[in-house]
Structure formats: C-alpha cells, structure tokens
C-alpha cells in the first residue's frame, strides 16, 4: 500500500477504536523477570508473602513500567505491523505525550489494550500516528494505564 493510500485509510479512522488486543497474563514470573531487568526489587512487586500481609491488594503488583512496556504487544505491533500497514518498511516508537497509572495490576491478573487513533500527521518519509491506549484489567472498571503514544511509519 502506498503512503497516500495508507494516509487516506488512517484519516478515516481518526477518533475511532482501531485495536483491541488479546488478554495477557501478568504472572509473578513476568514481574520477577522485569524486576531483574530493571533492578527494581521493591517488596510490593517481588515478595508475595509480605504483600499478602502488608499490601492493600494482598498480592504483589506489577511495576507500572512493566505495564507500559507491554504497549507494543497490547497494540499489536510486536510483529512490526506488517499486517495492519502493508508497504510500511518500519514502525518506530517516537515517544509518549501522556501516561497515567490509574489502577494496580496484581500478580495473576490479565490485561488487554484498547487503542483509539487520535491523529495522523505527515513527516518527511512517512506518517506520524498519535493513539490513546488504555490497558484494561479483566474484571475491573478502571484501567491500569492510559497512555498517549506516538509512532512513526516509514515507507
């Protein structure tokens, strides 16, 4: 698909929900692996026994940045976006405008992402997409995270 055809298709989706991911389990082993990768071993994340005694959630909770790090998978671009954006050579994470962690994700919970396209802009060599992604927690009305992401599509 050409840049022009992709732009036209995306412009028609501005303001709409464009993706809902599958559910992803946030296991204690995933939380522990994230703690190892980042050096953040706070007990609220890594000590299930202490969390059962002292945490308001009575379980360990995922790091907020662990939830944030799942956005590419929850957005469905972990495969490079080839299916959604044919003709695009690469997709680059350009940054975030706004992030809020609005609910804790306890160990064993499942999360999924919902993305709404906010804007499409041209830049030299491609298109810049701004999306709002809400990370839902199964069985909860308040999301774990709401983030405004910026991605660049290069043709």
C-alpha atoms as a PDB file:
ATOM      1  CA  UNK A   1       0.000   0.000   0.000  1.00  0.00           C
ATOM      2  CA  UNK A   2       1.327   3.474  -0.806  1.00  0.00           C
ATOM      3  CA  UNK A   3       1.815   6.328   1.628  1.00  0.00           C
ATOM      4  CA  UNK A   4      -1.136   8.175   0.099  1.00  0.00           C
ATOM      5  CA  UNK A   5      -3.474   5.174   0.354  1.00  0.00           C
ATOM      6  CA  UNK A   6      -2.370   4.486   3.943  1.00  0.00           C
ATOM      7  CA  UNK A   7      -2.867   8.150   4.893  1.00  0.00           C
ATOM      8  CA  UNK A   8      -6.396   8.145   3.431  1.00  0.00           C
ATOM      9  CA  UNK A   9      -7.309   4.908   5.213  1.00  0.00           C
ATOM     10  CA  UNK A  10      -5.942   6.143   8.532  1.00  0.00           C
ATOM     11  CA  UNK A  11      -7.593   9.568   8.267  1.00  0.00           C
ATOM     12  CA  UNK A  12     -10.936   7.772   8.026  1.00  0.00           C
ATOM     13  CA  UNK A  13     -10.168   6.055  11.371  1.00  0.00           C
ATOM     14  CA  UNK A  14      -9.268   9.167  13.403  1.00  0.00           C
ATOM     15  CA  UNK A  15     -11.362   9.223  16.564  1.00  0.00           C
ATOM     16  CA  UNK A  16     -12.207   5.527  16.323  1.00  0.00           C
ATOM     17  CA  UNK A  17     -11.086   2.471  18.260  1.00  0.00           C
ATOM     18  CA  UNK A  18      -8.590   0.748  15.976  1.00  0.00           C
ATOM     19  CA  UNK A  19      -7.401  -2.219  18.027  1.00  0.00           C
ATOM     20  CA  UNK A  20      -8.355  -4.468  20.933  1.00  0.00           C
ATOM     21  CA  UNK A  21      -5.706  -6.984  21.950  1.00  0.00           C
ATOM     22  CA  UNK A  22      -5.965 -10.466  23.347  1.00  0.00           C
ATOM     23  CA  UNK A  23      -5.680 -10.875  27.112  1.00  0.00           C
ATOM     24  CA  UNK A  24      -2.134 -11.180  28.501  1.00  0.00           C
ATOM     25  CA  UNK A  25      -1.472 -12.726  31.915  1.00  0.00           C
ATOM     26  CA  UNK A  26       0.769 -10.843  34.314  1.00  0.00           C
ATOM     27  CA  UNK A  27       2.341 -13.740  36.176  1.00  0.00           C
ATOM     28  CA  UNK A  28       4.651 -13.451  39.158  1.00  0.00           C
ATOM     29  CA  UNK A  29       7.453 -14.845  36.992  1.00  0.00           C
ATOM     30  CA  UNK A  30       6.913 -11.973  34.498  1.00  0.00           C
ATOM     31  CA  UNK A  31       7.002  -9.463  37.368  1.00  0.00           C
ATOM     32  CA  UNK A  32      10.189 -11.061  38.754  1.00  0.00           C
ATOM     33  CA  UNK A  33      11.841 -11.026  35.314  1.00  0.00           C
ATOM     34  CA  UNK A  34      11.011  -7.323  34.967  1.00  0.00           C
ATOM     35  CA  UNK A  35      12.461  -6.675  38.441  1.00  0.00           C
ATOM     36  CA  UNK A  36      15.660  -8.454  37.373  1.00  0.00           C
ATOM     37  CA  UNK A  37      15.861  -6.448  34.157  1.00  0.00           C
ATOM     38  CA  UNK A  38      15.358  -3.090  35.889  1.00  0.00           C
ATOM     39  CA  UNK A  39      16.836  -3.641  39.350  1.00  0.00           C
ATOM     40  CA  UNK A  40      13.533  -2.643  40.987  1.00  0.00           C
ATOM     41  CA  UNK A  41      13.047  -5.293  43.686  1.00  0.00           C
ATOM     42  CA  UNK A  42      10.604  -3.450  45.951  1.00  0.00           C
ATOM     43  CA  UNK A  43       8.764  -5.977  48.103  1.00  0.00           C
ATOM     44  CA  UNK A  44       5.383  -4.823  46.756  1.00  0.00           C
ATOM     45  CA  UNK A  45       6.441  -6.421  43.461  1.00  0.00           C
ATOM     46  CA  UNK A  46       8.621  -9.361  44.441  1.00  0.00           C
ATOM     47  CA  UNK A  47       7.663 -10.682  47.889  1.00  0.00           C
ATOM     48  CA  UNK A  48       4.302 -12.499  47.749  1.00  0.00           C
ATOM     49  CA  UNK A  49       4.339 -13.409  51.459  1.00  0.00           C
ATOM     50  CA  UNK A  50       4.957  -9.861  52.642  1.00  0.00           C
ATOM     51  CA  UNK A  51       2.459  -8.496  50.094  1.00  0.00           C
ATOM     52  CA  UNK A  52      -0.183 -10.904  51.444  1.00  0.00           C
ATOM     53  CA  UNK A  53       0.374  -9.429  54.912  1.00  0.00           C
ATOM     54  CA  UNK A  54       1.003  -5.733  54.204  1.00  0.00           C
ATOM     55  CA  UNK A  55      -0.238  -4.759  50.763  1.00  0.00           C
ATOM     56  CA  UNK A  56      -3.708  -3.240  50.351  1.00  0.00           C
ATOM     57  CA  UNK A  57      -4.145  -5.641  47.390  1.00  0.00           C
ATOM     58  CA  UNK A  58      -2.996  -8.688  49.442  1.00  0.00           C
ATOM     59  CA  UNK A  59      -0.888  -9.729  46.442  1.00  0.00           C
ATOM     60  CA  UNK A  60       2.164  -8.453  44.664  1.00  0.00           C
ATOM     61  CA  UNK A  61       1.555  -5.874  41.966  1.00  0.00           C
ATOM     62  CA  UNK A  62       3.245  -5.354  38.611  1.00  0.00           C
ATOM     63  CA  UNK A  63       5.545  -2.400  38.155  1.00  0.00           C
ATOM     64  CA  UNK A  64       3.803   0.443  36.337  1.00  0.00           C
ATOM     65  CA  UNK A  65       6.645   0.438  33.829  1.00  0.00           C
ATOM     66  CA  UNK A  66       6.089  -3.282  33.222  1.00  0.00           C
ATOM     67  CA  UNK A  67       2.533  -2.449  32.169  1.00  0.00           C
ATOM     68  CA  UNK A  68       3.858   0.376  29.990  1.00  0.00           C
ATOM     69  CA  UNK A  69       6.478  -1.903  28.417  1.00  0.00           C
ATOM     70  CA  UNK A  70       3.711  -4.195  27.158  1.00  0.00           C
ATOM     71  CA  UNK A  71       2.175  -1.497  24.936  1.00  0.00           C
ATOM     72  CA  UNK A  72       3.747  -2.792  21.691  1.00  0.00           C
ATOM     73  CA  UNK A  73       2.322  -6.280  22.324  1.00  0.00           C
ATOM     74  CA  UNK A  74      -1.030  -4.938  23.521  1.00  0.00           C
ATOM     75  CA  UNK A  75      -1.165  -2.641  20.496  1.00  0.00           C
ATOM     76  CA  UNK A  76      -0.425  -5.478  18.108  1.00  0.00           C
ATOM     77  CA  UNK A  77       2.752  -4.089  16.589  1.00  0.00           C
ATOM     78  CA  UNK A  78       5.091  -6.687  18.068  1.00  0.00           C
ATOM     79  CA  UNK A  79       5.345  -8.217  14.585  1.00  0.00           C
ATOM     80  CA  UNK A  80       6.369  -4.901  13.013  1.00  0.00           C
ATOM     81  CA  UNK A  81       2.813  -4.053  11.964  1.00  0.00           C
ATOM     82  CA  UNK A  82       3.156  -5.747   8.566  1.00  0.00           C
ATOM     83  CA  UNK A  83      -0.435  -6.973   8.609  1.00  0.00           C
ATOM     84  CA  UNK A  84      -2.014  -3.652   9.561  1.00  0.00           C
ATOM     85  CA  UNK A  85       0.284  -1.455   7.461  1.00  0.00           C
ATOM     86  CA  UNK A  86       1.306  -3.235   4.242  1.00  0.00           C
ATOM     87  CA  UNK A  87       4.047  -1.351   2.438  1.00  0.00           C
ATOM     88  CA  UNK A  88       5.468   0.183   5.612  1.00  0.00           C
ATOM     89  CA  UNK A  89       9.196  -0.552   5.914  1.00  0.00           C
ATOM     90  CA  UNK A  90       9.374   0.014   9.661  1.00  0.00           C
ATOM     91  CA  UNK A  91       7.451   1.397  12.610  1.00  0.00           C
ATOM     92  CA  UNK A  92       9.351   3.379  15.209  1.00  0.00           C
ATOM     93  CA  UNK A  93       8.192   4.227  18.715  1.00  0.00           C
ATOM     94  CA  UNK A  94       8.620   8.016  18.728  1.00  0.00           C
ATOM     95  CA  UNK A  95       7.560   8.583  22.330  1.00  0.00           C
ATOM     96  CA  UNK A  96       4.759   9.375  24.701  1.00  0.00           C
ATOM     97  CA  UNK A  97       2.820  12.565  25.336  1.00  0.00           C
ATOM     98  CA  UNK A  98       0.954  11.483  28.440  1.00  0.00           C
ATOM     99  CA  UNK A  99       0.966   8.453  30.761  1.00  0.00           C
ATOM    100  CA  UNK A 100      -1.109   7.747  33.859  1.00  0.00           C
ATOM    101  CA  UNK A 101      -1.111   4.600  36.011  1.00  0.00           C
ATOM    102  CA  UNK A 102      -4.663   4.551  37.334  1.00  0.00           C
ATOM    103  CA  UNK A 103      -5.003   1.073  38.859  1.00  0.00           C
ATOM    104  CA  UNK A 104      -2.707  -1.644  40.201  1.00  0.00           C
ATOM    105  CA  UNK A 105      -2.226  -4.887  38.276  1.00  0.00           C
ATOM    106  CA  UNK A 106      -1.945  -7.755  40.739  1.00  0.00           C
ATOM    107  CA  UNK A 107       0.043 -10.911  40.034  1.00  0.00           C
ATOM    108  CA  UNK A 108      -2.085 -13.356  38.066  1.00  0.00           C
ATOM    109  CA  UNK A 109      -4.329 -10.667  36.560  1.00  0.00           C
ATOM    110  CA  UNK A 110      -4.935 -10.443  32.826  1.00  0.00           C
ATOM    111  CA  UNK A 111      -4.682  -7.191  30.869  1.00  0.00           C
ATOM    112  CA  UNK A 112      -5.520  -6.141  27.337  1.00  0.00           C
ATOM    113  CA  UNK A 113      -5.066  -2.984  25.311  1.00  0.00           C
ATOM    114  CA  UNK A 114      -7.623  -0.799  23.538  1.00  0.00           C
ATOM    115  CA  UNK A 115      -6.270   1.757  21.080  1.00  0.00           C
ATOM    116  CA  UNK A 116      -8.030   4.813  19.686  1.00  0.00           C
ATOM    117  CA  UNK A 117      -6.432   6.760  16.836  1.00  0.00           C
ATOM    118  CA  UNK A 118      -6.196  10.442  17.784  1.00  0.00           C
ATOM    119  CA  UNK A 119      -4.316  11.939  14.852  1.00  0.00           C
ATOM    120  CA  UNK A 120      -2.352  11.296  11.663  1.00  0.00           C
ATOM    121  CA  UNK A 121       0.339  13.744  10.557  1.00  0.00           C
ATOM    122  CA  UNK A 122       2.803  13.787   7.680  1.00  0.00           C
ATOM    123  CA  UNK A 123       6.533  13.973   8.233  1.00  0.00           C
ATOM    124  CA  UNK A 124       9.378  13.564   5.746  1.00  0.00           C
ATOM    125  CA  UNK A 125       9.359   9.896   4.762  1.00  0.00           C
ATOM    126  CA  UNK A 126       6.153   8.802   6.393  1.00  0.00           C
ATOM    127  CA  UNK A 127       3.247   9.265   8.745  1.00  0.00           C
ATOM    128  CA  UNK A 128       3.117  10.005  12.451  1.00  0.00           C
ATOM    129  CA  UNK A 129       0.271   8.427  14.421  1.00  0.00           C
ATOM    130  CA  UNK A 130      -0.881   9.518  17.855  1.00  0.00           C
ATOM    131  CA  UNK A 131      -3.002   6.988  19.706  1.00  0.00           C
ATOM    132  CA  UNK A 132      -4.536   6.728  23.132  1.00  0.00           C
ATOM    133  CA  UNK A 133      -4.047   3.255  24.546  1.00  0.00           C
ATOM    134  CA  UNK A 134      -5.972   2.098  27.586  1.00  0.00           C
ATOM    135  CA  UNK A 135      -4.715  -1.012  29.377  1.00  0.00           C
ATOM    136  CA  UNK A 136      -7.738  -2.773  30.867  1.00  0.00           C
ATOM    137  CA  UNK A 137      -7.615  -5.251  33.739  1.00  0.00           C
ATOM    138  CA  UNK A 138     -10.005  -8.161  33.390  1.00  0.00           C
ATOM    139  CA  UNK A 139     -12.872  -7.756  35.866  1.00  0.00           C
ATOM    140  CA  UNK A 140     -12.076  -4.117  36.730  1.00  0.00           C
ATOM    141  CA  UNK A 141     -13.816  -0.983  35.518  1.00  0.00           C
ATOM    142  CA  UNK A 142     -10.790   1.306  35.956  1.00  0.00           C
ATOM    143  CA  UNK A 143      -7.836   0.716  33.593  1.00  0.00           C
ATOM    144  CA  UNK A 144      -4.307   0.016  34.775  1.00  0.00           C
ATOM    145  CA  UNK A 145      -2.772   2.591  32.475  1.00  0.00           C
ATOM    146  CA  UNK A 146      -3.783   5.185  29.919  1.00  0.00           C
ATOM    147  CA  UNK A 147      -1.054   6.415  27.595  1.00  0.00           C
ATOM    148  CA  UNK A 148      -0.880   8.653  24.553  1.00  0.00           C
ATOM    149  CA  UNK A 149       1.680   7.108  22.216  1.00  0.00           C
ATOM    150  CA  UNK A 150       3.378   8.405  19.091  1.00  0.00           C
ATOM    151  CA  UNK A 151       4.556   6.072  16.342  1.00  0.00           C
ATOM    152  CA  UNK A 152       6.233   6.846  13.054  1.00  0.00           C
ATOM    153  CA  UNK A 153       5.532   4.768   9.957  1.00  0.00           C
ATOM    154  CA  UNK A 154       8.310   4.840   7.364  1.00  0.00           C
ATOM    155  CA  UNK A 155       7.547   3.995   3.728  1.00  0.00           C
END
